[in-house]
Every structure is written in structure tokens, then in C-alpha cells.
Amino acid sequence: MDAGFIEHLSVNQLAGEHKLYLNNLPPLSDSTNYYKTKFHLKYFNDSLLLFHYAQSKMLCDADTTLLAKTSAAFLVNSDRQKTQTWFNAIQQAPLRGDLKEIQNIYHASLNPNAFAAEAFPAQAQNAYSKYKRAYNKKPFLAGALSTAVPGLGKLYVGKTRSFIMTLILNAAYSAQTIESSRKLGLSHPLTIINAGAFTVFYLSNIYGSYQAVHKLRKEYKKQFLIDATRFYN
């Protein structure tokens, strides 16, 4: 095995030649699996990376730079189960320096109340503070507020324009329903249509406010992880 040649292939982005060379090495060798782990980190393939890491765990765990780079890559990985598998797998690895900080970032993304913003790089602190505030907002409270006043749950999550639009639409359909019921009667088709439209908008406003909290959490969590990953990359 020529480690210098492998480095040459990696530095020069020769992915095809790199892969071919690694595939011609002894498949059961720890060293082969170690270099394949690095290959699948460079051309990120989470499934194969996890597989080859497990086959060469001792070698990989001795390379803290590899662990830190891989952990940073998994922070923004879309597959949450594989991300969890990775961070569970490195629990016994030597956790120091950047690797320890990145692991704390992962745990903070699961429970932001366990950390203060000052524990993270300055570039990620603002996004973390926003995520922490969003995390502590209650979906059911947003729904309850919009039950009392249409759109109020949107205001609770900071969406002022959406609150105003929701309130105006619900007020308009409510006014139309009341007006048509007074002039045409409750059983008139126009009254029924207006009442149906108002009901749909009213209920969707409650559900929308509930979902807005979950969406806000996801948006700020994603931004926090992106900012942290940029710093470590």
C-alpha cells in the first residue's frame, strides 16, 4: 500500500483512480478500510463511511482529525438516523479539542437548553440563541392562541405579516357569514358557503400556527448546524 500515492490521488481530486486503487487493496485489511473511510468522507457517502469505519475503528479513532472532519460532515447530514449512529459510535473515541466541541454541538442540537451560547464558536452563537428560543416555544400554545384570536399563534412565533393576513382573512369570512345569515338566513346556500369557508380558514389557521413552531425549530436548528460546520470546515 502506497500511502503517498493515495494522498496524491486525494489531493488532486482523482476520484475514479482513487476508488479503483482502494478496491484493488486487500479488502479485509484494517488499513484498507481506514483509507476507504477517508475516501467516503471526501466524497461523502454516509452508508459506506459508517461501514468502513466500523471495520477499522481502532485506526480511525486514533486519527482525531478524521473523526472531527467526519463529525462536522454528519452535523448537516439529512439522514438523522445515520447521524445518530455516527455520534453513538464515537462515544468511546478520545474526545478532545474540535471533536469534543463538535460533539457538544450535536447534543445541543437535540437539547439546546443543556448549553449556553458562549460554549460555541462566535460564528454560531447568534444562530444557536435563535434556535434555543424557537425550541422553547410551545406548539400547543401557538394553536391555543390562534383559537382565541386567528393568527395570534403566528405572531407568537414572530411572523407578523402572516398574523395580519390570517386575521384579515378570517375577519372577512366571518363578516360575510354574519351578513349573509342576517339578510338571507342560515339555510341559504351563500350563507352555508361563507360559513364553510370561514370554518376551513379558522381551523387551518390553528393547525398552521401549531406547525409554524415546528417549522421554526427546524429552520433555526439547520442554520445553527450550518454555521457551526462552516467554522470547523
Protein backbone atom coordinates (compact mmCIF):
# COMPACT_ATOMS: atom_id res chain seq x y z
CA MET A 1 0.00 0.00 0.00
CA ASP A 2 1.41 3.36 -1.05
CA ALA A 3 0.07 5.99 1.37
CA GLY A 4 1.81 8.78 -0.55
CA PHE A 5 0.12 7.75 -3.79
CA ILE A 6 -3.27 7.64 -2.05
CA GLU A 7 -2.66 11.17 -0.76
CA HIS A 8 -1.72 12.26 -4.29
CA LEU A 9 -4.99 10.86 -5.66
CA SER A 10 -6.97 12.56 -2.89
CA VAL A 11 -5.32 15.98 -3.21
CA ASN A 12 -5.74 16.02 -6.98
CA GLN A 13 -9.42 15.02 -6.81
CA LEU A 14 -8.85 11.88 -8.91
CA ALA A 15 -11.93 10.13 -7.57
CA GLY A 16 -12.12 7.36 -10.18
CA GLU A 17 -8.45 6.39 -9.89
CA HIS A 18 -8.62 6.75 -6.11
CA LYS A 19 -11.58 4.37 -5.85
CA LEU A 20 -10.02 1.86 -8.27
CA TYR A 21 -6.74 1.79 -6.33
CA LEU A 22 -8.53 1.24 -3.00
CA ASN A 23 -10.68 -1.52 -4.46
CA ASN A 24 -7.54 -3.39 -5.54
CA LEU A 25 -6.18 -3.46 -1.98
CA PRO A 26 -6.77 -6.43 0.39
CA PRO A 27 -10.45 -5.96 1.35
CA LEU A 28 -10.18 -7.28 4.92
CA SER A 29 -7.20 -5.13 5.87
CA ASP A 30 -7.74 -2.55 8.62
CA SER A 31 -5.60 -0.12 6.64
CA THR A 32 -7.70 -0.61 3.52
CA ASN A 33 -10.88 0.10 5.45
CA TYR A 34 -9.25 3.11 7.10
CA TYR A 35 -8.38 4.65 3.71
CA LYS A 36 -11.81 3.78 2.38
CA THR A 37 -13.32 5.61 5.35
CA LYS A 38 -11.30 8.69 4.38
CA PHE A 39 -12.34 8.28 0.74
CA HIS A 40 -16.04 8.14 1.60
CA LEU A 41 -15.61 11.18 3.84
CA LYS A 42 -14.05 13.16 0.99
CA TYR A 43 -16.78 12.12 -1.49
CA PHE A 44 -19.36 11.94 1.26
CA ASN A 45 -21.21 8.62 1.28
CA ASP A 46 -22.63 8.18 4.77
CA SER A 47 -23.55 4.49 4.47
CA LEU A 48 -20.17 3.30 3.18
CA LEU A 49 -18.32 5.62 5.54
CA LEU A 50 -20.09 4.08 8.54
CA PHE A 51 -19.43 0.57 7.22
CA HIS A 52 -15.68 1.04 6.69
CA TYR A 53 -15.31 2.99 9.93
CA ALA A 54 -16.74 0.00 11.81
CA GLN A 55 -14.22 -2.28 10.05
CA SER A 56 -11.24 -0.13 11.05
CA LYS A 57 -12.44 1.54 14.24
CA MET A 58 -9.13 1.41 16.11
CA LEU A 59 -7.21 3.10 13.30
CA CYS A 60 -9.92 5.68 12.72
CA ASP A 61 -10.27 6.51 16.41
CA ALA A 62 -6.54 7.22 16.56
CA ASP A 63 -6.98 9.85 13.83
CA THR A 64 -8.73 12.68 15.69
CA THR A 65 -8.61 14.91 12.61
CA LEU A 66 -10.56 12.30 10.65
CA LEU A 67 -13.08 12.00 13.47
CA ALA A 68 -13.52 15.77 13.72
CA LYS A 69 -13.98 16.23 9.96
CA THR A 70 -16.42 13.32 9.77
CA SER A 71 -18.39 14.64 12.75
CA ALA A 72 -18.63 18.07 11.13
CA ALA A 73 -19.93 16.44 7.94
CA PHE A 74 -22.55 14.47 9.84
CA LEU A 75 -23.81 17.61 11.60
CA VAL A 76 -25.52 18.70 8.38
CA ASN A 77 -26.35 15.22 7.10
CA SER A 78 -30.02 14.88 6.17
CA ASP A 79 -30.28 11.31 7.45
CA ARG A 80 -30.86 11.76 11.19
CA GLN A 81 -30.60 8.05 11.94
CA LYS A 82 -27.14 7.75 10.37
CA THR A 83 -26.03 10.93 12.12
CA GLN A 84 -27.11 9.43 15.43
CA THR A 85 -25.33 6.16 14.55
CA TRP A 86 -22.09 8.07 13.92
CA PHE A 87 -22.14 10.07 17.14
CA ASN A 88 -23.05 6.98 19.15
CA ALA A 89 -20.18 5.09 17.50
CA ILE A 90 -17.53 7.62 18.54
CA GLN A 91 -18.59 7.84 22.18
CA GLN A 92 -15.56 5.77 23.21
CA ALA A 93 -13.10 7.65 20.99
CA PRO A 94 -10.67 10.17 22.54
CA LEU A 95 -12.82 13.29 22.77
CA ARG A 96 -10.71 16.44 22.83
CA GLY A 97 -10.31 19.72 21.00
CA ASP A 98 -12.52 20.26 17.99
CA LEU A 99 -14.01 16.77 18.25
CA LYS A 100 -15.32 17.44 21.74
CA GLU A 101 -16.77 20.80 20.64
CA ILE A 102 -18.46 19.26 17.59
CA GLN A 103 -19.98 16.51 19.70
CA ASN A 104 -21.33 19.16 22.09
CA ILE A 105 -22.86 20.95 19.09
CA TYR A 106 -24.61 17.72 18.08
CA HIS A 107 -26.00 17.22 21.59
CA ALA A 108 -27.02 20.90 21.73
CA SER A 109 -28.99 20.42 18.51
CA LEU A 110 -31.01 17.74 20.34
CA ASN A 111 -31.44 19.71 23.56
CA PRO A 112 -30.37 23.37 23.32
CA ASN A 113 -31.34 24.01 26.94
CA ALA A 114 -28.34 21.94 28.06
CA PHE A 115 -25.82 24.51 26.78
CA ALA A 116 -25.19 28.25 26.79
CA ALA A 117 -24.44 30.05 23.52
CA GLU A 118 -20.98 31.01 24.83
CA ALA A 119 -19.98 27.33 24.69
CA PHE A 120 -19.84 27.51 20.89
CA PRO A 121 -17.81 29.42 18.28
CA ALA A 122 -18.76 33.08 17.94
CA GLN A 123 -19.86 32.46 14.34
CA ALA A 124 -22.57 30.07 15.55
CA GLN A 125 -23.72 31.79 18.74
CA ASN A 126 -26.38 34.02 17.18
CA ALA A 127 -27.97 31.11 15.30
CA TYR A 128 -27.82 28.98 18.44
CA SER A 129 -29.58 31.64 20.53
CA LYS A 130 -32.35 31.87 17.93
CA TYR A 131 -32.68 28.08 17.83
CA LYS A 132 -32.85 27.92 21.62
CA ARG A 133 -35.66 30.50 21.72
CA ALA A 134 -37.55 28.68 18.96
CA TYR A 135 -37.05 25.33 20.71
CA ASN A 136 -38.70 26.67 23.86
CA LYS A 137 -41.81 27.90 22.08
CA LYS A 138 -44.82 25.61 22.55
CA PRO A 139 -46.75 24.32 19.51
CA PHE A 140 -49.93 23.80 21.55
CA LEU A 141 -49.72 27.34 22.93
CA ALA A 142 -49.46 28.67 19.37
CA GLY A 143 -52.56 26.66 18.44
CA ALA A 144 -54.42 27.86 21.53
CA LEU A 145 -53.58 31.50 20.80
CA SER A 146 -54.87 31.14 17.24
CA THR A 147 -58.02 29.54 18.60
CA ALA A 148 -58.67 32.65 20.68
CA VAL A 149 -57.62 35.15 18.00
CA PRO A 150 -57.00 33.89 14.44
CA GLY A 151 -53.35 34.34 13.52
CA LEU A 152 -52.16 35.14 17.05
CA GLY A 153 -50.13 31.94 17.11
CA LYS A 154 -48.22 33.19 14.04
CA LEU A 155 -47.41 36.40 15.92
CA TYR A 156 -46.18 34.22 18.81
CA VAL A 157 -43.57 32.66 16.52
CA GLY A 158 -42.56 36.04 15.11
CA LYS A 159 -44.44 36.02 11.80
CA THR A 160 -46.13 39.42 11.98
CA ARG A 161 -47.14 39.63 8.31
CA SER A 162 -48.69 36.17 8.42
CA PHE A 163 -50.60 37.15 11.57
CA ILE A 164 -52.08 40.23 9.88
CA MET A 165 -53.09 38.34 6.73
CA THR A 166 -54.65 35.47 8.71
CA LEU A 167 -56.58 37.87 10.93
CA ILE A 168 -57.90 39.86 7.93
CA LEU A 169 -58.99 36.73 6.02
CA ASN A 170 -60.76 35.20 8.99
CA ALA A 171 -62.41 38.52 9.87
CA ALA A 172 -63.58 38.95 6.25
CA TYR A 173 -65.13 35.47 6.02
CA SER A 174 -66.65 35.85 9.48
CA ALA A 175 -68.23 39.18 8.49
CA GLN A 176 -69.56 37.72 5.23
CA THR A 177 -71.08 34.78 7.08
CA ILE A 178 -72.79 37.02 9.65
CA GLU A 179 -74.04 39.43 6.97
CA SER A 180 -75.47 36.71 4.71
CA SER A 181 -77.11 34.94 7.66
CA ARG A 182 -78.84 38.17 8.70
CA LYS A 183 -80.04 39.06 5.22
CA LEU A 184 -80.59 35.64 3.63
CA GLY A 185 -80.98 33.28 6.59
CA LEU A 186 -78.87 30.44 7.96
CA SER A 187 -80.12 27.89 5.43
CA HIS A 188 -79.34 29.95 2.34
CA PRO A 189 -76.59 28.39 0.11
CA LEU A 190 -74.50 31.56 0.19
CA THR A 191 -74.54 31.57 3.98
CA ILE A 192 -73.55 27.91 4.06
CA ILE A 193 -70.69 28.55 1.60
CA ASN A 194 -69.43 31.50 3.61
CA ALA A 195 -69.70 29.57 6.87
CA GLY A 196 -67.83 26.64 5.31
CA ALA A 197 -65.06 28.90 4.03
CA PHE A 198 -64.75 30.58 7.42
CA THR A 199 -64.54 27.20 9.17
CA VAL A 200 -61.81 25.99 6.82
CA PHE A 201 -59.73 29.16 7.25
CA TYR A 202 -60.28 29.18 11.01
CA LEU A 203 -59.23 25.56 11.52
CA SER A 204 -56.31 25.82 9.10
CA ASN A 205 -55.10 28.90 10.99
CA ILE A 206 -54.98 26.84 14.21
CA TYR A 207 -53.15 23.95 12.56
CA GLY A 208 -50.85 26.34 10.69
CA SER A 209 -49.83 28.06 13.91
CA TYR A 210 -49.12 24.71 15.56
CA GLN A 211 -46.94 23.64 12.61
CA ALA A 212 -45.23 27.04 12.45
CA VAL A 213 -43.46 26.33 15.73
CA HIS A 214 -42.09 23.00 14.44
CA LYS A 215 -41.01 24.65 11.20
CA LEU A 216 -39.30 27.49 13.06
CA ARG A 217 -37.39 25.00 15.19
CA LYS A 218 -36.19 23.10 12.12
CA GLU A 219 -35.12 26.28 10.31
CA TYR A 220 -33.06 27.64 13.21
CA LYS A 221 -31.60 24.23 14.07
CA LYS A 222 -30.46 23.82 10.47
CA GLN A 223 -28.92 27.30 10.40
CA PHE A 224 -27.09 26.68 13.69
CA LEU A 225 -25.59 23.44 12.38
CA ILE A 226 -24.64 25.05 9.06
CA ASP A 227 -22.89 27.96 10.80
CA ALA A 228 -21.04 25.61 13.14
CA THR A 229 -19.99 23.33 10.28
CA ARG A 230 -18.66 26.29 8.28
CA PHE A 231 -16.49 27.27 11.21
CA TYR A 232 -14.95 23.81 11.63
CA ASN A 233 -14.55 23.25 7.91
